[in-house]
Amino acid sequence: MTELIVGDVIAERSVHLTRESLVRYAGASGDFNPIHYRDDVAVAVGLPGVLAHGMLTMGIAIGTVEQWLGDPARVLEYGVRFTRPVLVDPETGADVHVSAKIGAIDDDTARIDLTVTAAATTVLGKAQVRVRRA
């Protein structure tokens, strides 16, 4: 790993989600809540439409850091606050954008701050990862 400097962006990526992505994730995770694949159910419970699974959004975000680290075992702690759902349009889907920036450094660990957005709206707040330095 190169020298870490607070404020440096160390990784960025965008992931396009479709309704098919949500169905595949439901199968992998076992979360078959119909708000993740049926518009009528989502609207009936007061949502604007089908939402991506929160844990899928979290997984996309941490995956960005894991790719940069090269070793997911170096992740020591990960936490987020869900601020807005990711709406997945039946035709155009949704794009989730992740930017990972060094937030703090100490002798053995670094804190990485994640900015996670969809449709120009922050969807995960206080998204932070503590990693073991190489």
C-alpha atoms as a PDB file:
ATOM      1  CA  MET A   1       0.000   0.000   0.000  1.00  0.00           C
ATOM      2  CA  THR A   2       1.257   3.464  -0.811  1.00  0.00           C
ATOM      3  CA  GLU A   3       1.654   6.151   1.815  1.00  0.00           C
ATOM      4  CA  LEU A   4      -1.689   7.209   3.239  1.00  0.00           C
ATOM      5  CA  ILE A   5      -2.507  10.894   3.517  1.00  0.00           C
ATOM      6  CA  VAL A   6      -5.622  12.236   5.228  1.00  0.00           C
ATOM      7  CA  GLY A   7      -7.978  13.623   2.616  1.00  0.00           C
ATOM      8  CA  ASP A   8      -6.761  11.473  -0.273  1.00  0.00           C
ATOM      9  CA  VAL A   9      -9.422   9.681  -2.307  1.00  0.00           C
ATOM     10  CA  ILE A  10      -8.199   6.093  -2.484  1.00  0.00           C
ATOM     11  CA  ALA A  11     -11.015   4.458  -4.471  1.00  0.00           C
ATOM     12  CA  GLU A  12     -14.124   5.324  -6.457  1.00  0.00           C
ATOM     13  CA  ARG A  13     -16.641   3.309  -8.401  1.00  0.00           C
ATOM     14  CA  SER A  14     -20.187   3.256  -9.683  1.00  0.00           C
ATOM     15  CA  VAL A  15     -22.464   0.235  -9.727  1.00  0.00           C
ATOM     16  CA  HIS A  16     -25.574   0.064 -11.884  1.00  0.00           C
ATOM     17  CA  LEU A  17     -28.491  -1.728 -10.241  1.00  0.00           C
ATOM     18  CA  THR A  18     -31.477  -3.150 -12.099  1.00  0.00           C
ATOM     19  CA  ARG A  19     -34.564  -4.941 -10.891  1.00  0.00           C
ATOM     20  CA  GLU A  20     -32.792  -8.142 -11.882  1.00  0.00           C
ATOM     21  CA  SER A  21     -29.919  -7.170  -9.563  1.00  0.00           C
ATOM     22  CA  LEU A  22     -32.416  -6.919  -6.698  1.00  0.00           C
ATOM     23  CA  VAL A  23     -33.957 -10.316  -7.443  1.00  0.00           C
ATOM     24  CA  ARG A  24     -30.496 -11.896  -7.586  1.00  0.00           C
ATOM     25  CA  TYR A  25     -29.544 -10.259  -4.289  1.00  0.00           C
ATOM     26  CA  ALA A  26     -32.805 -11.446  -2.715  1.00  0.00           C
ATOM     27  CA  GLY A  27     -31.956 -14.988  -3.723  1.00  0.00           C
ATOM     28  CA  ALA A  28     -28.432 -14.739  -2.340  1.00  0.00           C
ATOM     29  CA  SER A  29     -29.441 -13.042   0.910  1.00  0.00           C
ATOM     30  CA  GLY A  30     -32.807 -14.661   1.555  1.00  0.00           C
ATOM     31  CA  ASP A  31     -34.433 -11.213   1.893  1.00  0.00           C
ATOM     32  CA  PHE A  32     -37.575 -11.592  -0.206  1.00  0.00           C
ATOM     33  CA  ASN A  33     -39.428  -8.576   1.164  1.00  0.00           C
ATOM     34  CA  PRO A  34     -41.622  -7.546  -1.800  1.00  0.00           C
ATOM     35  CA  ILE A  35     -40.719  -3.845  -1.411  1.00  0.00           C
ATOM     36  CA  HIS A  36     -37.514  -4.874  -3.199  1.00  0.00           C
ATOM     37  CA  TYR A  37     -39.211  -6.164  -6.348  1.00  0.00           C
ATOM     38  CA  ARG A  38     -42.928  -5.186  -6.476  1.00  0.00           C
ATOM     39  CA  ASP A  39     -44.008  -1.597  -7.106  1.00  0.00           C
ATOM     40  CA  ASP A  40     -47.570  -2.219  -5.928  1.00  0.00           C
ATOM     41  CA  VAL A  41     -46.405  -3.441  -2.512  1.00  0.00           C
ATOM     42  CA  ALA A  42     -43.831  -0.653  -2.147  1.00  0.00           C
ATOM     43  CA  VAL A  43     -46.434   2.005  -2.956  1.00  0.00           C
ATOM     44  CA  ALA A  44     -49.043   0.366  -0.687  1.00  0.00           C
ATOM     45  CA  VAL A  45     -46.706   0.786   2.311  1.00  0.00           C
ATOM     46  CA  GLY A  46     -45.992   4.425   1.463  1.00  0.00           C
ATOM     47  CA  LEU A  47     -42.770   4.136  -0.498  1.00  0.00           C
ATOM     48  CA  PRO A  48     -42.180   5.917  -3.804  1.00  0.00           C
ATOM     49  CA  GLY A  49     -41.268   2.646  -5.521  1.00  0.00           C
ATOM     50  CA  VAL A  50     -39.059  -0.422  -5.312  1.00  0.00           C
ATOM     51  CA  LEU A  51     -35.999   0.034  -3.093  1.00  0.00           C
ATOM     52  CA  ALA A  52     -32.604  -1.622  -3.222  1.00  0.00           C
ATOM     53  CA  HIS A  53     -31.814  -3.693  -0.145  1.00  0.00           C
ATOM     54  CA  GLY A  54     -29.937  -1.649   2.445  1.00  0.00           C
ATOM     55  CA  MET A  55     -27.411  -4.410   2.922  1.00  0.00           C
ATOM     56  CA  LEU A  56     -26.814  -4.506  -0.842  1.00  0.00           C
ATOM     57  CA  THR A  57     -25.994  -0.799  -0.757  1.00  0.00           C
ATOM     58  CA  MET A  58     -23.667  -1.389   2.206  1.00  0.00           C
ATOM     59  CA  GLY A  59     -22.020  -4.273   0.356  1.00  0.00           C
ATOM     60  CA  ILE A  60     -21.390  -2.155  -2.726  1.00  0.00           C
ATOM     61  CA  ALA A  61     -19.773   0.507  -0.544  1.00  0.00           C
ATOM     62  CA  ILE A  62     -17.472  -1.820   1.417  1.00  0.00           C
ATOM     63  CA  GLY A  63     -16.605  -3.718  -1.756  1.00  0.00           C
ATOM     64  CA  THR A  64     -15.032  -0.537  -3.083  1.00  0.00           C
ATOM     65  CA  VAL A  65     -12.662  -0.461  -0.102  1.00  0.00           C
ATOM     66  CA  GLU A  66     -11.982  -4.194  -0.255  1.00  0.00           C
ATOM     67  CA  GLN A  67     -10.882  -3.890  -3.888  1.00  0.00           C
ATOM     68  CA  TRP A  68      -8.433  -1.163  -2.896  1.00  0.00           C
ATOM     69  CA  LEU A  69      -7.155  -3.124   0.112  1.00  0.00           C
ATOM     70  CA  GLY A  70      -6.710  -6.353  -1.833  1.00  0.00           C
ATOM     71  CA  ASP A  71      -7.508  -8.306   1.341  1.00  0.00           C
ATOM     72  CA  PRO A  72     -10.956  -8.122   2.967  1.00  0.00           C
ATOM     73  CA  ALA A  73      -9.488  -9.537   6.212  1.00  0.00           C
ATOM     74  CA  ARG A  74      -7.902  -6.115   6.794  1.00  0.00           C
ATOM     75  CA  VAL A  75     -11.358  -4.612   7.434  1.00  0.00           C
ATOM     76  CA  LEU A  76     -11.638  -4.294  11.212  1.00  0.00           C
ATOM     77  CA  GLU A  77     -14.885  -2.349  11.581  1.00  0.00           C
ATOM     78  CA  TYR A  78     -17.601  -0.996   9.294  1.00  0.00           C
ATOM     79  CA  GLY A  79     -20.658   1.056  10.103  1.00  0.00           C
ATOM     80  CA  VAL A  80     -23.194   3.229   8.323  1.00  0.00           C
ATOM     81  CA  ARG A  81     -26.375   5.146   8.943  1.00  0.00           C
ATOM     82  CA  PHE A  82     -29.087   4.717   6.324  1.00  0.00           C
ATOM     83  CA  THR A  83     -30.176   8.206   5.260  1.00  0.00           C
ATOM     84  CA  ARG A  84     -32.170   7.659   2.038  1.00  0.00           C
ATOM     85  CA  PRO A  85     -33.253   4.574   0.126  1.00  0.00           C
ATOM     86  CA  VAL A  86     -31.961   3.737  -3.346  1.00  0.00           C
ATOM     87  CA  LEU A  87     -34.968   3.760  -5.676  1.00  0.00           C
ATOM     88  CA  VAL A  88     -34.571   1.345  -8.573  1.00  0.00           C
ATOM     89  CA  ASP A  89     -36.594   2.368 -11.610  1.00  0.00           C
ATOM     90  CA  PRO A  90     -38.095  -0.580 -13.530  1.00  0.00           C
ATOM     91  CA  GLU A  91     -36.622   0.643 -16.812  1.00  0.00           C
ATOM     92  CA  THR A  92     -33.548   2.746 -16.047  1.00  0.00           C
ATOM     93  CA  GLY A  93     -32.436   1.137 -12.784  1.00  0.00           C
ATOM     94  CA  ALA A  94     -30.228   3.132 -10.427  1.00  0.00           C
ATOM     95  CA  ASP A  95     -26.558   4.027 -10.179  1.00  0.00           C
ATOM     96  CA  VAL A  96     -24.836   3.855  -6.802  1.00  0.00           C
ATOM     97  CA  HIS A  97     -21.651   5.939  -6.607  1.00  0.00           C
ATOM     98  CA  VAL A  98     -19.002   5.358  -3.948  1.00  0.00           C
ATOM     99  CA  SER A  99     -16.030   7.532  -3.083  1.00  0.00           C
ATOM    100  CA  ALA A 100     -13.581   6.389  -0.392  1.00  0.00           C
ATOM    101  CA  LYS A 101     -11.337   8.947   1.289  1.00  0.00           C
ATOM    102  CA  ILE A 102      -8.757   8.634   4.060  1.00  0.00           C
ATOM    103  CA  GLY A 103     -10.340  10.224   7.135  1.00  0.00           C
ATOM    104  CA  ALA A 104      -7.771   9.485   9.838  1.00  0.00           C
ATOM    105  CA  ILE A 105      -4.553   7.544  10.330  1.00  0.00           C
ATOM    106  CA  ASP A 106      -2.818   6.103  13.365  1.00  0.00           C
ATOM    107  CA  ASP A 107       0.085   3.686  13.781  1.00  0.00           C
ATOM    108  CA  ASP A 108      -1.801   0.478  13.001  1.00  0.00           C
ATOM    109  CA  THR A 109      -5.112   1.492  11.419  1.00  0.00           C
ATOM    110  CA  ALA A 110      -6.733   3.976   9.088  1.00  0.00           C
ATOM    111  CA  ARG A 111     -10.288   5.265   8.975  1.00  0.00           C
ATOM    112  CA  ILE A 112     -11.809   5.476   5.526  1.00  0.00           C
ATOM    113  CA  ASP A 113     -14.812   7.744   5.065  1.00  0.00           C
ATOM    114  CA  LEU A 114     -17.266   6.718   2.359  1.00  0.00           C
ATOM    115  CA  THR A 115     -19.544   8.977   0.386  1.00  0.00           C
ATOM    116  CA  VAL A 116     -22.335   6.877  -1.109  1.00  0.00           C
ATOM    117  CA  THR A 117     -24.878   8.499  -3.410  1.00  0.00           C
ATOM    118  CA  ALA A 118     -27.657   7.581  -5.807  1.00  0.00           C
ATOM    119  CA  ALA A 119     -29.530  10.109  -7.955  1.00  0.00           C
ATOM    120  CA  ALA A 120     -27.277  12.852  -6.497  1.00  0.00           C
ATOM    121  CA  THR A 121     -28.559  12.080  -2.981  1.00  0.00           C
ATOM    122  CA  THR A 122     -26.494  10.714  -0.099  1.00  0.00           C
ATOM    123  CA  VAL A 123     -27.898   7.285   0.772  1.00  0.00           C
ATOM    124  CA  LEU A 124     -25.479   6.228   3.517  1.00  0.00           C
ATOM    125  CA  GLY A 125     -24.431   8.645   6.236  1.00  0.00           C
ATOM    126  CA  LYS A 126     -21.497   8.282   8.619  1.00  0.00           C
ATOM    127  CA  ALA A 127     -20.220   5.458   6.453  1.00  0.00           C
ATOM    128  CA  GLN A 128     -16.836   4.649   7.906  1.00  0.00           C
ATOM    129  CA  VAL A 129     -14.448   1.724   7.666  1.00  0.00           C
ATOM    130  CA  ARG A 130     -11.548   1.078  10.000  1.00  0.00           C
ATOM    131  CA  VAL A 131      -8.836  -0.978   8.323  1.00  0.00           C
ATOM    132  CA  ARG A 132      -5.573  -2.519   9.427  1.00  0.00           C
ATOM    133  CA  ARG A 133      -2.647  -0.871   7.689  1.00  0.00           C
ATOM    134  CA  ALA A 134      -0.310  -3.142   5.761  1.00  0.00           C
END
